[in-house]
Amino acid sequence: MADLYASGTEGAALTAQSFELLLPGFGDIIVAVTLLTFIFSTILGWSYFGEKCFTYMVGDNFTMLYRVIFVLAIIPGATMSLDTVWNLGDIFNGLMAIPNLIGLLLLSGVVVKETKRFNEIRAKEKKEAV
């Protein structure tokens, strides 16, 4: 088993080799089918999520533009090295966190206010129940 990793194989190819070693004849097929369904569902999910966010920001007029850019981005993503894809994924996920963190900071006062209001209502309901 250590020989597989030492061979320089990585990613899905390493997983397929490991499965084939332990399940000869159909181990690599299991990995291929599983990987295909994961890739397909991930592409559909991210496409839908991104399209809805893009439409919310710029309106319905540019939805086709988003779709074209998304489909074109699949090509380099499928042909780049594994390290580059992971690094880009990490960068873009980090960039997605920035507006979310800013939103959390800006809305923290509202959260505190609503939490206090909720606790007051809850305490009032408990007193009435007793």
N, C-alpha and C. Protein backbone atom coordinates (compact mmCIF):
# COMPACT_ATOMS: atom_id res chain seq x y z
N MET A 1 0.82 -1.19 0.00
CA MET A 1 0.00 0.00 0.00
C MET A 1 0.87 1.25 0.00
N ALA A 2 1.97 1.25 0.73
CA ALA A 2 2.86 2.40 0.76
C ALA A 2 3.47 2.63 -0.62
N ASP A 3 3.61 1.56 -1.42
CA ASP A 3 4.18 1.70 -2.76
C ASP A 3 3.30 2.56 -3.66
N LEU A 4 1.97 2.50 -3.46
CA LEU A 4 1.07 3.32 -4.28
C LEU A 4 1.36 4.80 -4.10
N TYR A 5 1.50 5.22 -2.86
CA TYR A 5 1.74 6.64 -2.60
C TYR A 5 3.14 7.05 -3.02
N ALA A 6 4.07 6.16 -2.86
CA ALA A 6 5.46 6.45 -3.22
C ALA A 6 5.63 6.57 -4.74
N SER A 7 4.68 6.02 -5.50
CA SER A 7 4.79 6.05 -6.96
C SER A 7 4.55 7.44 -7.53
N GLY A 8 4.12 8.40 -6.72
CA GLY A 8 3.86 9.75 -7.21
C GLY A 8 2.44 9.96 -7.69
N THR A 9 1.64 8.91 -7.64
CA THR A 9 0.24 9.02 -8.04
C THR A 9 -0.50 9.79 -6.96
N GLU A 10 -1.43 10.65 -7.38
CA GLU A 10 -2.19 11.43 -6.40
C GLU A 10 -3.62 11.61 -6.87
N GLY A 11 -4.46 12.12 -5.98
CA GLY A 11 -5.85 12.42 -6.33
C GLY A 11 -6.67 11.18 -6.60
N ALA A 12 -7.55 11.32 -7.59
CA ALA A 12 -8.49 10.25 -7.91
C ALA A 12 -7.75 9.00 -8.42
N ALA A 13 -6.64 9.19 -9.11
CA ALA A 13 -5.89 8.05 -9.62
C ALA A 13 -5.36 7.18 -8.47
N LEU A 14 -4.90 7.82 -7.42
CA LEU A 14 -4.43 7.08 -6.24
C LEU A 14 -5.58 6.33 -5.58
N THR A 15 -6.72 6.98 -5.47
CA THR A 15 -7.90 6.33 -4.88
C THR A 15 -8.32 5.14 -5.73
N ALA A 16 -8.35 5.31 -7.05
CA ALA A 16 -8.75 4.23 -7.95
C ALA A 16 -7.78 3.05 -7.84
N GLN A 17 -6.48 3.32 -7.76
CA GLN A 17 -5.51 2.24 -7.62
C GLN A 17 -5.70 1.50 -6.30
N SER A 18 -6.00 2.24 -5.24
CA SER A 18 -6.21 1.62 -3.93
C SER A 18 -7.45 0.73 -3.94
N PHE A 19 -8.53 1.23 -4.52
CA PHE A 19 -9.75 0.43 -4.60
C PHE A 19 -9.53 -0.81 -5.46
N GLU A 20 -8.82 -0.64 -6.55
CA GLU A 20 -8.56 -1.78 -7.45
C GLU A 20 -7.69 -2.82 -6.75
N LEU A 21 -6.78 -2.37 -5.92
CA LEU A 21 -5.93 -3.30 -5.17
C LEU A 21 -6.76 -4.13 -4.19
N LEU A 22 -7.72 -3.49 -3.53
CA LEU A 22 -8.52 -4.18 -2.52
C LEU A 22 -9.76 -4.85 -3.09
N LEU A 23 -10.28 -4.33 -4.21
CA LEU A 23 -11.46 -4.91 -4.86
C LEU A 23 -11.14 -5.16 -6.34
N PRO A 24 -10.32 -6.15 -6.64
CA PRO A 24 -9.87 -6.36 -8.01
C PRO A 24 -11.04 -6.58 -8.98
N GLY A 25 -10.93 -5.96 -10.13
CA GLY A 25 -11.95 -6.14 -11.16
C GLY A 25 -12.99 -5.04 -11.22
N PHE A 26 -13.36 -4.48 -10.07
CA PHE A 26 -14.38 -3.43 -10.10
C PHE A 26 -14.11 -2.27 -9.14
N GLY A 27 -12.97 -2.26 -8.48
CA GLY A 27 -12.64 -1.18 -7.56
C GLY A 27 -12.49 0.16 -8.27
N ASP A 28 -11.81 0.15 -9.42
CA ASP A 28 -11.65 1.41 -10.16
C ASP A 28 -12.97 1.88 -10.79
N ILE A 29 -13.86 0.93 -11.09
CA ILE A 29 -15.18 1.30 -11.62
C ILE A 29 -15.99 2.01 -10.54
N ILE A 30 -15.92 1.52 -9.32
CA ILE A 30 -16.63 2.16 -8.20
C ILE A 30 -16.16 3.60 -8.03
N VAL A 31 -14.85 3.80 -8.08
CA VAL A 31 -14.31 5.15 -7.94
C VAL A 31 -14.75 6.03 -9.11
N ALA A 32 -14.71 5.50 -10.32
CA ALA A 32 -15.09 6.28 -11.50
C ALA A 32 -16.55 6.72 -11.43
N VAL A 33 -17.43 5.80 -11.09
CA VAL A 33 -18.87 6.13 -11.01
C VAL A 33 -19.12 7.11 -9.87
N THR A 34 -18.51 6.87 -8.74
CA THR A 34 -18.68 7.77 -7.59
C THR A 34 -18.15 9.17 -7.92
N LEU A 35 -16.99 9.23 -8.52
CA LEU A 35 -16.40 10.51 -8.89
C LEU A 35 -17.26 11.24 -9.92
N LEU A 36 -17.77 10.52 -10.89
CA LEU A 36 -18.62 11.12 -11.91
C LEU A 36 -19.89 11.73 -11.30
N THR A 37 -20.55 10.99 -10.41
CA THR A 37 -21.76 11.53 -9.78
C THR A 37 -21.44 12.72 -8.87
N PHE A 38 -20.31 12.65 -8.17
CA PHE A 38 -19.91 13.77 -7.33
C PHE A 38 -19.62 15.02 -8.16
N ILE A 39 -18.86 14.84 -9.24
CA ILE A 39 -18.51 15.97 -10.10
C ILE A 39 -19.77 16.57 -10.71
N PHE A 40 -20.64 15.73 -11.23
CA PHE A 40 -21.86 16.21 -11.88
C PHE A 40 -22.75 16.98 -10.90
N SER A 41 -22.97 16.41 -9.72
CA SER A 41 -23.82 17.09 -8.74
C SER A 41 -23.18 18.38 -8.23
N THR A 42 -21.86 18.40 -8.10
CA THR A 42 -21.17 19.61 -7.66
C THR A 42 -21.28 20.71 -8.71
N ILE A 43 -21.07 20.36 -9.96
CA ILE A 43 -21.18 21.36 -11.03
C ILE A 43 -22.60 21.91 -11.09
N LEU A 44 -23.60 21.04 -11.02
CA LEU A 44 -24.99 21.52 -11.05
C LEU A 44 -25.31 22.41 -9.85
N GLY A 45 -24.88 21.98 -8.67
CA GLY A 45 -25.17 22.74 -7.46
C GLY A 45 -24.52 24.12 -7.46
N TRP A 46 -23.22 24.15 -7.78
CA TRP A 46 -22.52 25.44 -7.80
C TRP A 46 -23.04 26.33 -8.92
N SER A 47 -23.40 25.74 -10.04
CA SER A 47 -23.95 26.53 -11.15
C SER A 47 -25.25 27.19 -10.73
N TYR A 48 -26.14 26.42 -10.13
CA TYR A 48 -27.44 26.95 -9.71
C TYR A 48 -27.26 28.02 -8.63
N PHE A 49 -26.46 27.71 -7.63
CA PHE A 49 -26.23 28.65 -6.53
C PHE A 49 -25.62 29.95 -7.03
N GLY A 50 -24.59 29.82 -7.87
CA GLY A 50 -23.93 31.01 -8.42
C GLY A 50 -24.86 31.82 -9.30
N GLU A 51 -25.66 31.13 -10.11
CA GLU A 51 -26.59 31.84 -10.99
C GLU A 51 -27.62 32.63 -10.19
N LYS A 52 -28.15 32.04 -9.13
CA LYS A 52 -29.14 32.74 -8.30
C LYS A 52 -28.50 33.95 -7.61
N CYS A 53 -27.30 33.81 -7.12
CA CYS A 53 -26.61 34.94 -6.48
C CYS A 53 -26.32 36.03 -7.50
N PHE A 54 -25.84 35.64 -8.68
CA PHE A 54 -25.53 36.59 -9.74
C PHE A 54 -26.81 37.33 -10.18
N THR A 55 -27.90 36.60 -10.34
CA THR A 55 -29.18 37.21 -10.74
C THR A 55 -29.67 38.18 -9.67
N TYR A 56 -29.48 37.82 -8.42
CA TYR A 56 -29.89 38.71 -7.33
C TYR A 56 -29.10 40.01 -7.38
N MET A 57 -27.80 39.92 -7.70
CA MET A 57 -26.95 41.12 -7.71
C MET A 57 -27.17 42.00 -8.93
N VAL A 58 -27.33 41.40 -10.12
CA VAL A 58 -27.38 42.22 -11.34
C VAL A 58 -28.69 42.13 -12.11
N GLY A 59 -29.61 41.27 -11.69
CA GLY A 59 -30.89 41.15 -12.39
C GLY A 59 -30.89 40.02 -13.40
N ASP A 60 -32.07 39.80 -13.98
CA ASP A 60 -32.27 38.68 -14.91
C ASP A 60 -31.63 38.89 -16.28
N ASN A 61 -31.30 40.11 -16.63
CA ASN A 61 -30.82 40.41 -17.98
C ASN A 61 -29.47 39.77 -18.31
N PHE A 62 -28.67 39.46 -17.30
CA PHE A 62 -27.32 38.96 -17.55
C PHE A 62 -27.14 37.49 -17.16
N THR A 63 -28.23 36.77 -16.98
CA THR A 63 -28.15 35.36 -16.57
C THR A 63 -27.40 34.53 -17.60
N MET A 64 -27.66 34.77 -18.88
CA MET A 64 -26.98 34.00 -19.93
C MET A 64 -25.47 34.26 -19.92
N LEU A 65 -25.07 35.48 -19.61
CA LEU A 65 -23.65 35.80 -19.49
C LEU A 65 -23.00 34.96 -18.41
N TYR A 66 -23.65 34.85 -17.26
CA TYR A 66 -23.12 34.02 -16.17
C TYR A 66 -22.98 32.57 -16.63
N ARG A 67 -23.99 32.05 -17.29
CA ARG A 67 -23.96 30.66 -17.75
C ARG A 67 -22.80 30.40 -18.70
N VAL A 68 -22.58 31.33 -19.63
CA VAL A 68 -21.49 31.18 -20.59
C VAL A 68 -20.13 31.20 -19.86
N ILE A 69 -19.95 32.16 -18.96
CA ILE A 69 -18.70 32.24 -18.21
C ILE A 69 -18.48 30.99 -17.38
N PHE A 70 -19.55 30.49 -16.76
CA PHE A 70 -19.44 29.28 -15.92
C PHE A 70 -19.01 28.09 -16.76
N VAL A 71 -19.64 27.90 -17.90
CA VAL A 71 -19.30 26.76 -18.76
C VAL A 71 -17.87 26.88 -19.28
N LEU A 72 -17.47 28.09 -19.66
CA LEU A 72 -16.10 28.29 -20.15
C LEU A 72 -15.07 28.05 -19.05
N ALA A 73 -15.42 28.34 -17.81
CA ALA A 73 -14.50 28.14 -16.69
C ALA A 73 -14.28 26.66 -16.39
N ILE A 74 -15.19 25.81 -16.84
CA ILE A 74 -15.04 24.37 -16.61
C ILE A 74 -13.83 23.83 -17.37
N ILE A 75 -13.58 24.36 -18.55
CA ILE A 75 -12.50 23.84 -19.40
C ILE A 75 -11.13 23.99 -18.74
N PRO A 76 -10.72 25.20 -18.32
CA PRO A 76 -9.41 25.26 -17.65
C PRO A 76 -9.41 24.51 -16.32
N GLY A 77 -10.54 24.50 -15.63
CA GLY A 77 -10.60 23.77 -14.36
C GLY A 77 -10.37 22.28 -14.53
N ALA A 78 -10.79 21.75 -15.67
CA ALA A 78 -10.62 20.32 -15.93
C ALA A 78 -9.25 19.98 -16.50
N THR A 79 -8.53 20.98 -16.99
CA THR A 79 -7.24 20.70 -17.62
C THR A 79 -6.04 21.16 -16.80
N MET A 80 -6.26 21.94 -15.75
CA MET A 80 -5.15 22.41 -14.90
C MET A 80 -4.62 21.28 -14.03
N SER A 81 -3.48 21.53 -13.45
CA SER A 81 -2.93 20.55 -12.51
C SER A 81 -3.79 20.54 -11.24
N LEU A 82 -3.74 19.42 -10.56
CA LEU A 82 -4.55 19.25 -9.35
C LEU A 82 -4.20 20.30 -8.30
N ASP A 83 -2.92 20.58 -8.11
CA ASP A 83 -2.50 21.59 -7.13
C ASP A 83 -3.06 22.97 -7.47
N THR A 84 -3.03 23.33 -8.74
CA THR A 84 -3.54 24.64 -9.16
C THR A 84 -5.04 24.75 -8.90
N VAL A 85 -5.77 23.68 -9.21
CA VAL A 85 -7.22 23.69 -8.99
C VAL A 85 -7.53 23.85 -7.50
N TRP A 86 -6.82 23.11 -6.65
CA TRP A 86 -7.06 23.22 -5.21
C TRP A 86 -6.69 24.60 -4.70
N ASN A 87 -5.59 25.14 -5.18
CA ASN A 87 -5.19 26.49 -4.75
C ASN A 87 -6.21 27.54 -5.17
N LEU A 88 -6.68 27.46 -6.41
CA LEU A 88 -7.71 28.40 -6.86
C LEU A 88 -9.00 28.24 -6.07
N GLY A 89 -9.37 27.00 -5.80
CA GLY A 89 -10.56 26.75 -4.99
C GLY A 89 -10.44 27.37 -3.61
N ASP A 90 -9.28 27.21 -3.00
CA ASP A 90 -9.05 27.81 -1.68
C ASP A 90 -9.12 29.34 -1.74
N ILE A 91 -8.52 29.92 -2.78
CA ILE A 91 -8.53 31.39 -2.92
C ILE A 91 -9.95 31.90 -3.08
N PHE A 92 -10.72 31.28 -3.99
CA PHE A 92 -12.07 31.78 -4.24
C PHE A 92 -13.01 31.53 -3.06
N ASN A 93 -12.82 30.44 -2.34
CA ASN A 93 -13.63 30.23 -1.13
C ASN A 93 -13.28 31.26 -0.07
N GLY A 94 -12.00 31.59 0.03
CA GLY A 94 -11.60 32.65 0.96
C GLY A 94 -12.19 34.00 0.57
N LEU A 95 -12.19 34.29 -0.74
CA LEU A 95 -12.78 35.55 -1.21
C LEU A 95 -14.28 35.60 -0.94
N MET A 96 -14.94 34.45 -1.00
CA MET A 96 -16.38 34.42 -0.68
C MET A 96 -16.63 34.74 0.79
N ALA A 97 -15.68 34.41 1.62
CA ALA A 97 -15.87 34.65 3.05
C ALA A 97 -15.81 36.13 3.40
N ILE A 98 -15.08 36.92 2.62
CA ILE A 98 -14.90 38.34 2.94
C ILE A 98 -16.23 39.10 3.03
N PRO A 99 -17.10 39.06 2.00
CA PRO A 99 -18.36 39.79 2.13
C PRO A 99 -19.26 39.23 3.23
N ASN A 100 -19.16 37.92 3.46
CA ASN A 100 -19.95 37.33 4.55
C ASN A 100 -19.49 37.84 5.91
N LEU A 101 -18.19 37.92 6.10
CA LEU A 101 -17.67 38.43 7.37
C LEU A 101 -18.02 39.91 7.57
N ILE A 102 -17.95 40.68 6.50
CA ILE A 102 -18.34 42.10 6.59
C ILE A 102 -19.82 42.20 6.96
N GLY A 103 -20.65 41.38 6.33
CA GLY A 103 -22.08 41.36 6.66
C GLY A 103 -22.33 40.99 8.11
N LEU A 104 -21.59 40.01 8.61
CA LEU A 104 -21.73 39.62 10.01
C LEU A 104 -21.38 40.77 10.95
N LEU A 105 -20.31 41.46 10.64
CA LEU A 105 -19.92 42.59 11.47
C LEU A 105 -20.96 43.71 11.44
N LEU A 106 -21.45 44.02 10.25
CA LEU A 106 -22.43 45.10 10.12
C LEU A 106 -23.77 44.75 10.75
N LEU A 107 -24.12 43.47 10.77
CA LEU A 107 -25.40 43.05 11.33
C LEU A 107 -25.32 42.60 12.79
N SER A 108 -24.14 42.64 13.38
CA SER A 108 -24.00 42.15 14.76
C SER A 108 -24.86 42.94 15.74
N GLY A 109 -25.00 44.24 15.53
CA GLY A 109 -25.87 45.04 16.39
C GLY A 109 -27.32 44.61 16.31
N VAL A 110 -27.78 44.30 15.12
CA VAL A 110 -29.15 43.83 14.93
C VAL A 110 -29.35 42.49 15.62
N VAL A 111 -28.37 41.63 15.52
CA VAL A 111 -28.46 40.31 16.16
C VAL A 111 -28.56 40.45 17.67
N VAL A 112 -27.74 41.33 18.25
CA VAL A 112 -27.77 41.55 19.70
C VAL A 112 -29.14 42.09 20.12
N LYS A 113 -29.64 43.07 19.38
CA LYS A 113 -30.93 43.69 19.69
C LYS A 113 -32.07 42.66 19.61
N GLU A 114 -32.09 41.87 18.55
CA GLU A 114 -33.15 40.88 18.38
C GLU A 114 -33.04 39.75 19.40
N THR A 115 -31.82 39.40 19.79
CA THR A 115 -31.64 38.37 20.81
C THR A 115 -32.17 38.85 22.15
N LYS A 116 -31.89 40.09 22.50
CA LYS A 116 -32.41 40.66 23.75
C LYS A 116 -33.94 40.69 23.72
N ARG A 117 -34.50 41.11 22.59
CA ARG A 117 -35.96 41.17 22.46
C ARG A 117 -36.56 39.77 22.58
N PHE A 118 -35.94 38.79 21.95
CA PHE A 118 -36.41 37.41 22.03
C PHE A 118 -36.38 36.91 23.47
N ASN A 119 -35.26 37.18 24.17
CA ASN A 119 -35.14 36.72 25.56
C ASN A 119 -36.16 37.39 26.47
N GLU A 120 -36.47 38.67 26.23
CA GLU A 120 -37.49 39.36 27.02
C GLU A 120 -38.87 38.74 26.80
N ILE A 121 -39.20 38.45 25.55
CA ILE A 121 -40.48 37.83 25.24
C ILE A 121 -40.55 36.44 25.85
N ARG A 122 -39.47 35.70 25.76
CA ARG A 122 -39.42 34.34 26.33
C ARG A 122 -39.58 34.38 27.84
N ALA A 123 -38.91 35.31 28.50
CA ALA A 123 -39.03 35.44 29.97
C ALA A 123 -40.45 35.81 30.34
N LYS A 124 -41.08 36.69 29.58
CA LYS A 124 -42.46 37.10 29.83
C LYS A 124 -43.42 35.90 29.68
N GLU A 125 -43.22 35.09 28.66
CA GLU A 125 -44.05 33.91 28.43
C GLU A 125 -43.89 32.90 29.56
N LYS A 126 -42.66 32.76 30.09
CA LYS A 126 -42.43 31.82 31.19
C LYS A 126 -43.15 32.29 32.45
N LYS A 127 -43.14 33.61 32.71
CA LYS A 127 -43.84 34.14 33.88
C LYS A 127 -45.34 33.92 33.76
N GLU A 128 -45.89 34.11 32.58
CA GLU A 128 -47.32 33.92 32.36
C GLU A 128 -47.70 32.45 32.48
N ALA A 129 -46.82 31.56 32.13
CA ALA A 129 -47.11 30.12 32.19
C ALA A 129 -47.14 29.61 33.63
N VAL A 130 -46.44 30.30 34.52
CA VAL A 130 -46.36 29.88 35.92
C VAL A 130 -47.53 30.34 36.66
